[in-house]
Amino acid sequence: MTKILIFDSGALITLSMNGLTYLLEKLKKTFHGKFIITEEVKYEVIDRPIKVPRFELEALRIKKLLTSNILELPSSLNIDNKTIKSKTRKFMEIANQSVSSKGRWIKIISEGETSCLALSSELTKRNIENIIAIDERTTRILAEKPQNLGKLMSRKLHKEVQISNKALNEFKQFKFIRSTELVLVAHKKGLLNIKGPKALEAVLYATKFKGSSVSFDEINILKKM
């Protein structure tokens, strides 16, 4: 095993809603490592939605990936959930005390997303190469361009916010990939079930309109890669 791809809920839901979970089965065959979800993500994409008729199909698609060991839990890496929960609490406290408005902290990331950061941190500590598949823009900006966090949150919340400088250096260690880029990788490997000159464009736009925070300009760039 040389690397780990950690999946957040959003990336899995985007792929499931677009009928693209089969790509993970195909990508796993060429990936020298493991696809991992945390217990918190499992709850968000399987345990909770499988009880809701509207979301049951997506949950069953993702559950199939878990039961067939395409997706695995951290226990397969000998990492217990207690370790992840402890780190999750730490990162949630930092992240959710980084943006405030009128003296009140604003929650900006969820437990599922944060558990992915926690697992990534633990893997990095063990010198295991890893990357997080996540479609949510806020978490990525927190790590990649924290200086833009204030502008993003002001636009989202329609009010002025203040940013704590402490958060700006805590999340630099993380690396991300979106479902959109995973689809591009699958296309380059010839793994898409649909073929033709419009196939790539179609699946890239599908990820945008069903979950992935990717711009039209970014899609145009990806189409040329």
C-alpha atoms as a PDB file:
ATOM      1  CA  MET A   1       0.000   0.000   0.000  1.00  0.00           C
ATOM      2  CA  THR A   2       1.460   3.342  -1.018  1.00  0.00           C
ATOM      3  CA  LYS A   3      -1.411   5.831  -0.722  1.00  0.00           C
ATOM      4  CA  ILE A   4      -4.893   6.464   0.594  1.00  0.00           C
ATOM      5  CA  LEU A   5      -7.829   8.286  -1.013  1.00  0.00           C
ATOM      6  CA  ILE A   6     -10.224   9.496   1.684  1.00  0.00           C
ATOM      7  CA  PHE A   7     -13.798  10.168   0.592  1.00  0.00           C
ATOM      8  CA  ASP A   8     -16.012  12.840   2.107  1.00  0.00           C
ATOM      9  CA  SER A   9     -19.796  12.496   1.885  1.00  0.00           C
ATOM     10  CA  GLY A  10     -20.249  15.145  -0.811  1.00  0.00           C
ATOM     11  CA  ALA A  11     -17.931  13.534  -3.355  1.00  0.00           C
ATOM     12  CA  LEU A  12     -19.631  10.142  -2.918  1.00  0.00           C
ATOM     13  CA  ILE A  13     -23.104  11.663  -3.182  1.00  0.00           C
ATOM     14  CA  THR A  14     -22.157  13.547  -6.353  1.00  0.00           C
ATOM     15  CA  LEU A  15     -20.940  10.336  -7.984  1.00  0.00           C
ATOM     16  CA  SER A  16     -23.952   8.357  -6.778  1.00  0.00           C
ATOM     17  CA  MET A  17     -26.536  10.916  -7.938  1.00  0.00           C
ATOM     18  CA  ASN A  18     -24.965  10.876 -11.390  1.00  0.00           C
ATOM     19  CA  GLY A  19     -24.803   7.081 -11.614  1.00  0.00           C
ATOM     20  CA  LEU A  20     -20.995   7.192 -11.598  1.00  0.00           C
ATOM     21  CA  THR A  21     -20.136   5.021  -8.592  1.00  0.00           C
ATOM     22  CA  TYR A  22     -19.059   2.288 -11.011  1.00  0.00           C
ATOM     23  CA  LEU A  23     -16.021   4.465 -11.723  1.00  0.00           C
ATOM     24  CA  LEU A  24     -14.717   3.837  -8.200  1.00  0.00           C
ATOM     25  CA  GLU A  25     -14.762   0.084  -8.834  1.00  0.00           C
ATOM     26  CA  LYS A  26     -12.738   0.602 -12.004  1.00  0.00           C
ATOM     27  CA  LEU A  27     -10.365   3.189 -10.521  1.00  0.00           C
ATOM     28  CA  LYS A  28      -9.638   0.949  -7.523  1.00  0.00           C
ATOM     29  CA  LYS A  29      -8.104  -1.652  -9.852  1.00  0.00           C
ATOM     30  CA  THR A  30      -5.409   0.818 -10.922  1.00  0.00           C
ATOM     31  CA  PHE A  31      -4.975   2.520  -7.534  1.00  0.00           C
ATOM     32  CA  HIS A  32      -2.081   1.203  -5.452  1.00  0.00           C
ATOM     33  CA  GLY A  33      -3.726   1.789  -2.113  1.00  0.00           C
ATOM     34  CA  LYS A  34      -7.101   2.018  -0.401  1.00  0.00           C
ATOM     35  CA  PHE A  35     -10.301   4.059  -0.703  1.00  0.00           C
ATOM     36  CA  ILE A  36     -11.348   4.949   2.853  1.00  0.00           C
ATOM     37  CA  ILE A  37     -14.410   6.494   4.499  1.00  0.00           C
ATOM     38  CA  THR A  38     -14.692   7.365   8.172  1.00  0.00           C
ATOM     39  CA  GLU A  39     -17.511   6.162  10.423  1.00  0.00           C
ATOM     40  CA  GLU A  40     -18.888   9.709  10.367  1.00  0.00           C
ATOM     41  CA  VAL A  41     -19.033   9.739   6.567  1.00  0.00           C
ATOM     42  CA  LYS A  42     -20.576   6.260   6.583  1.00  0.00           C
ATOM     43  CA  TYR A  43     -23.345   7.607   8.809  1.00  0.00           C
ATOM     44  CA  GLU A  44     -23.949  10.545   6.448  1.00  0.00           C
ATOM     45  CA  VAL A  45     -24.010   8.534   3.198  1.00  0.00           C
ATOM     46  CA  ILE A  46     -25.381   5.128   4.275  1.00  0.00           C
ATOM     47  CA  ASP A  47     -26.785   4.778   7.801  1.00  0.00           C
ATOM     48  CA  ARG A  48     -28.948   7.910   7.853  1.00  0.00           C
ATOM     49  CA  PRO A  49     -30.116   8.263   4.206  1.00  0.00           C
ATOM     50  CA  ILE A  50     -30.947   4.560   3.798  1.00  0.00           C
ATOM     51  CA  LYS A  51     -33.908   5.201   6.109  1.00  0.00           C
ATOM     52  CA  VAL A  52     -35.260   8.001   3.897  1.00  0.00           C
ATOM     53  CA  PRO A  53     -37.069   6.878   0.694  1.00  0.00           C
ATOM     54  CA  ARG A  54     -35.876   9.904  -1.264  1.00  0.00           C
ATOM     55  CA  PHE A  55     -32.199   9.075  -0.634  1.00  0.00           C
ATOM     56  CA  GLU A  56     -32.369   5.295  -0.302  1.00  0.00           C
ATOM     57  CA  LEU A  57     -31.067   4.493  -3.800  1.00  0.00           C
ATOM     58  CA  GLU A  58     -27.931   6.611  -3.393  1.00  0.00           C
ATOM     59  CA  ALA A  59     -27.290   5.044   0.016  1.00  0.00           C
ATOM     60  CA  LEU A  60     -27.620   1.523  -1.409  1.00  0.00           C
ATOM     61  CA  ARG A  61     -25.199   2.323  -4.232  1.00  0.00           C
ATOM     62  CA  ILE A  62     -22.590   3.502  -1.739  1.00  0.00           C
ATOM     63  CA  LYS A  63     -23.297   0.621   0.647  1.00  0.00           C
ATOM     64  CA  LYS A  64     -22.511  -1.784  -2.173  1.00  0.00           C
ATOM     65  CA  LEU A  65     -19.080  -0.170  -2.521  1.00  0.00           C
ATOM     66  CA  LEU A  66     -18.459  -0.736   1.187  1.00  0.00           C
ATOM     67  CA  THR A  67     -19.660  -4.352   1.300  1.00  0.00           C
ATOM     68  CA  SER A  68     -17.536  -5.204  -1.735  1.00  0.00           C
ATOM     69  CA  ASN A  69     -14.455  -3.571  -0.128  1.00  0.00           C
ATOM     70  CA  ILE A  70     -14.102  -0.908  -2.799  1.00  0.00           C
ATOM     71  CA  LEU A  71     -14.555   1.483   0.111  1.00  0.00           C
ATOM     72  CA  GLU A  72     -13.108   0.511   3.493  1.00  0.00           C
ATOM     73  CA  LEU A  73     -13.172   1.865   7.024  1.00  0.00           C
ATOM     74  CA  PRO A  74     -10.136   3.151   8.956  1.00  0.00           C
ATOM     75  CA  SER A  75     -10.079  -0.089  10.939  1.00  0.00           C
ATOM     76  CA  SER A  76      -8.611  -1.704   7.809  1.00  0.00           C
ATOM     77  CA  LEU A  77      -5.567   0.489   8.475  1.00  0.00           C
ATOM     78  CA  ASN A  78      -5.521  -0.346  12.186  1.00  0.00           C
ATOM     79  CA  ILE A  79      -6.764   3.132  13.042  1.00  0.00           C
ATOM     80  CA  ASP A  80      -9.467   3.125  15.702  1.00  0.00           C
ATOM     81  CA  ASN A  81     -12.405   5.506  15.699  1.00  0.00           C
ATOM     82  CA  LYS A  82     -11.400   6.920  19.094  1.00  0.00           C
ATOM     83  CA  THR A  83      -8.275   8.404  17.519  1.00  0.00           C
ATOM     84  CA  ILE A  84     -10.267   9.946  14.673  1.00  0.00           C
ATOM     85  CA  LYS A  85     -12.936  11.324  17.010  1.00  0.00           C
ATOM     86  CA  SER A  86     -10.311  13.019  19.170  1.00  0.00           C
ATOM     87  CA  LYS A  87      -8.678  14.721  16.189  1.00  0.00           C
ATOM     88  CA  THR A  88     -12.108  15.566  14.732  1.00  0.00           C
ATOM     89  CA  ARG A  89     -13.061  17.470  17.881  1.00  0.00           C
ATOM     90  CA  LYS A  90      -9.769  19.373  17.743  1.00  0.00           C
ATOM     91  CA  PHE A  91     -10.146  20.431  14.106  1.00  0.00           C
ATOM     92  CA  MET A  92     -13.839  21.292  14.499  1.00  0.00           C
ATOM     93  CA  GLU A  93     -13.066  23.558  17.417  1.00  0.00           C
ATOM     94  CA  ILE A  94     -10.388  25.404  15.438  1.00  0.00           C
ATOM     95  CA  ALA A  95     -12.376  25.649  12.189  1.00  0.00           C
ATOM     96  CA  ASN A  96     -15.658  26.595  13.799  1.00  0.00           C
ATOM     97  CA  GLN A  97     -13.969  29.279  15.867  1.00  0.00           C
ATOM     98  CA  SER A  98     -12.317  30.891  12.874  1.00  0.00           C
ATOM     99  CA  VAL A  99     -15.229  32.899  11.461  1.00  0.00           C
ATOM    100  CA  SER A 100     -17.407  35.206  13.512  1.00  0.00           C
ATOM    101  CA  SER A 101     -20.064  37.837  12.986  1.00  0.00           C
ATOM    102  CA  LYS A 102     -21.182  40.341  15.596  1.00  0.00           C
ATOM    103  CA  GLY A 103     -19.259  38.467  18.274  1.00  0.00           C
ATOM    104  CA  ARG A 104     -20.714  35.039  17.521  1.00  0.00           C
ATOM    105  CA  TRP A 105     -18.834  32.077  16.018  1.00  0.00           C
ATOM    106  CA  ILE A 106     -20.198  30.626  12.781  1.00  0.00           C
ATOM    107  CA  LYS A 107     -20.096  26.884  12.096  1.00  0.00           C
ATOM    108  CA  ILE A 108     -18.386  26.420   8.741  1.00  0.00           C
ATOM    109  CA  ILE A 109     -17.600  22.684   8.485  1.00  0.00           C
ATOM    110  CA  SER A 110     -19.470  19.533   9.510  1.00  0.00           C
ATOM    111  CA  GLU A 111     -18.380  16.499  11.491  1.00  0.00           C
ATOM    112  CA  GLY A 112     -18.139  14.317   8.384  1.00  0.00           C
ATOM    113  CA  GLU A 113     -15.807  16.696   6.578  1.00  0.00           C
ATOM    114  CA  THR A 114     -13.743  17.232   9.699  1.00  0.00           C
ATOM    115  CA  SER A 115     -13.371  13.491  10.300  1.00  0.00           C
ATOM    116  CA  CYS A 116     -11.726  13.295   6.867  1.00  0.00           C
ATOM    117  CA  LEU A 117      -9.230  15.942   7.970  1.00  0.00           C
ATOM    118  CA  ALA A 118      -8.661  14.001  11.182  1.00  0.00           C
ATOM    119  CA  LEU A 119      -7.958  10.765   9.308  1.00  0.00           C
ATOM    120  CA  SER A 120      -5.682  12.557   6.859  1.00  0.00           C
ATOM    121  CA  SER A 121      -3.736  14.075   9.748  1.00  0.00           C
ATOM    122  CA  GLU A 122      -3.283  10.660  11.352  1.00  0.00           C
ATOM    123  CA  LEU A 123      -2.149   9.097   8.067  1.00  0.00           C
ATOM    124  CA  THR A 124       0.352  11.908   7.499  1.00  0.00           C
ATOM    125  CA  LYS A 125       1.658  11.339  11.014  1.00  0.00           C
ATOM    126  CA  ARG A 126       2.252   7.707  10.001  1.00  0.00           C
ATOM    127  CA  ASN A 127       3.990   8.796   6.782  1.00  0.00           C
ATOM    128  CA  ILE A 128       1.211   7.421   4.580  1.00  0.00           C
ATOM    129  CA  GLU A 129       0.536   9.470   1.454  1.00  0.00           C
ATOM    130  CA  ASN A 130      -3.090  10.583   1.263  1.00  0.00           C
ATOM    131  CA  ILE A 131      -5.534  12.940  -0.409  1.00  0.00           C
ATOM    132  CA  ILE A 132      -9.150  13.835   0.405  1.00  0.00           C
ATOM    133  CA  ALA A 133     -11.926  13.651  -2.192  1.00  0.00           C
ATOM    134  CA  ILE A 134     -14.172  16.550  -1.219  1.00  0.00           C
ATOM    135  CA  ASP A 135     -16.551  18.742  -3.198  1.00  0.00           C
ATOM    136  CA  GLU A 136     -17.344  21.327  -0.528  1.00  0.00           C
ATOM    137  CA  ARG A 137     -15.656  24.657  -1.281  1.00  0.00           C
ATOM    138  CA  THR A 138     -15.404  26.009   2.272  1.00  0.00           C
ATOM    139  CA  THR A 139     -13.179  23.211   3.581  1.00  0.00           C
ATOM    140  CA  ARG A 140     -10.880  23.410   0.587  1.00  0.00           C
ATOM    141  CA  ILE A 141     -10.503  27.186   0.882  1.00  0.00           C
ATOM    142  CA  LEU A 142      -9.777  26.798   4.592  1.00  0.00           C
ATOM    143  CA  ALA A 143      -6.721  24.744   3.612  1.00  0.00           C
ATOM    144  CA  GLU A 144      -5.713  26.073   0.202  1.00  0.00           C
ATOM    145  CA  LYS A 145      -6.613  29.786   0.274  1.00  0.00           C
ATOM    146  CA  PRO A 146      -7.534  30.758   3.830  1.00  0.00           C
ATOM    147  CA  GLN A 147      -7.052  34.413   2.927  1.00  0.00           C
ATOM    148  CA  ASN A 148     -10.202  34.104   0.775  1.00  0.00           C
ATOM    149  CA  LEU A 149     -12.298  32.594   3.573  1.00  0.00           C
ATOM    150  CA  GLY A 150     -13.711  35.920   4.753  1.00  0.00           C
ATOM    151  CA  LYS A 151     -14.874  36.888   1.266  1.00  0.00           C
ATOM    152  CA  LEU A 152     -16.493  33.477   0.713  1.00  0.00           C
ATOM    153  CA  MET A 153     -18.351  33.454   4.034  1.00  0.00           C
ATOM    154  CA  SER A 154     -19.520  37.069   3.634  1.00  0.00           C
ATOM    155  CA  ARG A 155     -20.959  36.165   0.247  1.00  0.00           C
ATOM    156  CA  LYS A 156     -22.594  33.011   1.605  1.00  0.00           C
ATOM    157  CA  LEU A 157     -24.092  34.641   4.686  1.00  0.00           C
ATOM    158  CA  HIS A 158     -24.794  38.086   3.189  1.00  0.00           C
ATOM    159  CA  LYS A 159     -23.107  39.838   6.097  1.00  0.00           C
ATOM    160  CA  GLU A 160     -19.698  41.024   7.245  1.00  0.00           C
ATOM    161  CA  VAL A 161     -17.546  38.461   9.043  1.00  0.00           C
ATOM    162  CA  GLN A 162     -14.267  38.472  10.932  1.00  0.00           C
ATOM    163  CA  ILE A 163     -11.556  35.808  10.520  1.00  0.00           C
ATOM    164  CA  SER A 164      -9.331  34.430  13.276  1.00  0.00           C
ATOM    165  CA  ASN A 165      -5.703  34.310  12.144  1.00  0.00           C
ATOM    166  CA  LYS A 166      -5.153  31.140  14.160  1.00  0.00           C
ATOM    167  CA  ALA A 167      -7.101  29.110  11.598  1.00  0.00           C
ATOM    168  CA  LEU A 168      -5.054  30.339   8.660  1.00  0.00           C
ATOM    169  CA  ASN A 169      -2.095  28.057   9.423  1.00  0.00           C
ATOM    170  CA  GLU A 170      -3.788  24.994  10.913  1.00  0.00           C
ATOM    171  CA  PHE A 171      -5.085  23.419   7.709  1.00  0.00           C
ATOM    172  CA  LYS A 172      -2.233  23.831   5.233  1.00  0.00           C
ATOM    173  CA  GLN A 173      -1.221  20.168   5.478  1.00  0.00           C
ATOM    174  CA  PHE A 174      -4.264  18.815   3.617  1.00  0.00           C
ATOM    175  CA  LYS A 175      -4.534  17.941  -0.074  1.00  0.00           C
ATOM    176  CA  PHE A 176      -7.824  17.665  -1.966  1.00  0.00           C
ATOM    177  CA  ILE A 177      -9.387  16.383  -5.155  1.00  0.00           C
ATOM    178  CA  ARG A 178     -12.981  16.928  -6.310  1.00  0.00           C
ATOM    179  CA  SER A 179     -15.325  14.362  -7.833  1.00  0.00           C
ATOM    180  CA  THR A 180     -14.946  16.416 -11.023  1.00  0.00           C
ATOM    181  CA  GLU A 181     -11.217  15.694 -11.190  1.00  0.00           C
ATOM    182  CA  LEU A 182     -11.801  12.027 -10.350  1.00  0.00           C
ATOM    183  CA  VAL A 183     -14.132  11.831 -13.346  1.00  0.00           C
ATOM    184  CA  LEU A 184     -11.412  13.408 -15.502  1.00  0.00           C
ATOM    185  CA  VAL A 185      -8.915  10.788 -14.316  1.00  0.00           C
ATOM    186  CA  ALA A 186     -11.421   8.042 -15.143  1.00  0.00           C
ATOM    187  CA  HIS A 187     -11.952   9.520 -18.604  1.00  0.00           C
ATOM    188  CA  LYS A 188      -8.207   9.616 -19.289  1.00  0.00           C
ATOM    189  CA  LYS A 189      -7.995   5.947 -18.292  1.00  0.00           C
ATOM    190  CA  GLY A 190     -10.849   5.105 -20.660  1.00  0.00           C
ATOM    191  CA  LEU A 191     -13.149   3.988 -17.844  1.00  0.00           C
ATOM    192  CA  LEU A 192     -16.326   5.917 -18.700  1.00  0.00           C
ATOM    193  CA  ASN A 193     -19.248   3.786 -19.856  1.00  0.00           C
ATOM    194  CA  ILE A 194     -20.252   6.477 -22.322  1.00  0.00           C
ATOM    195  CA  LYS A 195     -18.012   7.349 -25.267  1.00  0.00           C
ATOM    196  CA  GLY A 196     -17.794  10.090 -27.867  1.00  0.00           C
ATOM    197  CA  PRO A 197     -16.575  13.692 -28.168  1.00  0.00           C
ATOM    198  CA  LYS A 198     -19.171  15.054 -25.717  1.00  0.00           C
ATOM    199  CA  ALA A 199     -18.759  12.355 -23.050  1.00  0.00           C
ATOM    200  CA  LEU A 200     -16.194  14.162 -20.911  1.00  0.00           C
ATOM    201  CA  GLU A 201     -18.020  17.488 -21.076  1.00  0.00           C
ATOM    202  CA  ALA A 202     -21.269  15.780 -20.098  1.00  0.00           C
ATOM    203  CA  VAL A 203     -19.902  14.098 -16.978  1.00  0.00           C
ATOM    204  CA  LEU A 204     -17.961  17.187 -15.885  1.00  0.00           C
ATOM    205  CA  TYR A 205     -21.089  19.320 -16.064  1.00  0.00           C
ATOM    206  CA  ALA A 206     -23.062  16.570 -14.326  1.00  0.00           C
ATOM    207  CA  THR A 207     -20.762  16.779 -11.301  1.00  0.00           C
ATOM    208  CA  LYS A 208     -21.108  20.571 -11.241  1.00  0.00           C
ATOM    209  CA  PHE A 209     -24.891  20.573 -11.298  1.00  0.00           C
ATOM    210  CA  LYS A 210     -25.174  17.822  -8.684  1.00  0.00           C
ATOM    211  CA  GLY A 211     -22.759  18.765  -5.961  1.00  0.00           C
ATOM    212  CA  SER A 212     -19.211  19.692  -6.973  1.00  0.00           C
ATOM    213  CA  SER A 213     -18.138  23.308  -6.444  1.00  0.00           C
ATOM    214  CA  VAL A 214     -16.427  23.741  -9.799  1.00  0.00           C
ATOM    215  CA  SER A 215     -16.741  26.796 -12.032  1.00  0.00           C
ATOM    216  CA  PHE A 216     -17.497  26.904 -15.758  1.00  0.00           C
ATOM    217  CA  ASP A 217     -13.997  28.279 -16.342  1.00  0.00           C
ATOM    218  CA  GLU A 218     -12.454  25.367 -14.449  1.00  0.00           C
ATOM    219  CA  ILE A 219     -14.484  22.899 -16.497  1.00  0.00           C
ATOM    220  CA  ASN A 220     -13.240  24.517 -19.704  1.00  0.00           C
ATOM    221  CA  ILE A 221      -9.674  24.072 -18.467  1.00  0.00           C
ATOM    222  CA  LEU A 222     -10.290  20.435 -17.488  1.00  0.00           C
ATOM    223  CA  LYS A 223     -11.766  19.666 -20.921  1.00  0.00           C
ATOM    224  CA  LYS A 224      -8.454  20.704 -22.522  1.00  0.00           C
ATOM    225  CA  MET A 225      -6.248  18.635 -20.222  1.00  0.00           C
END
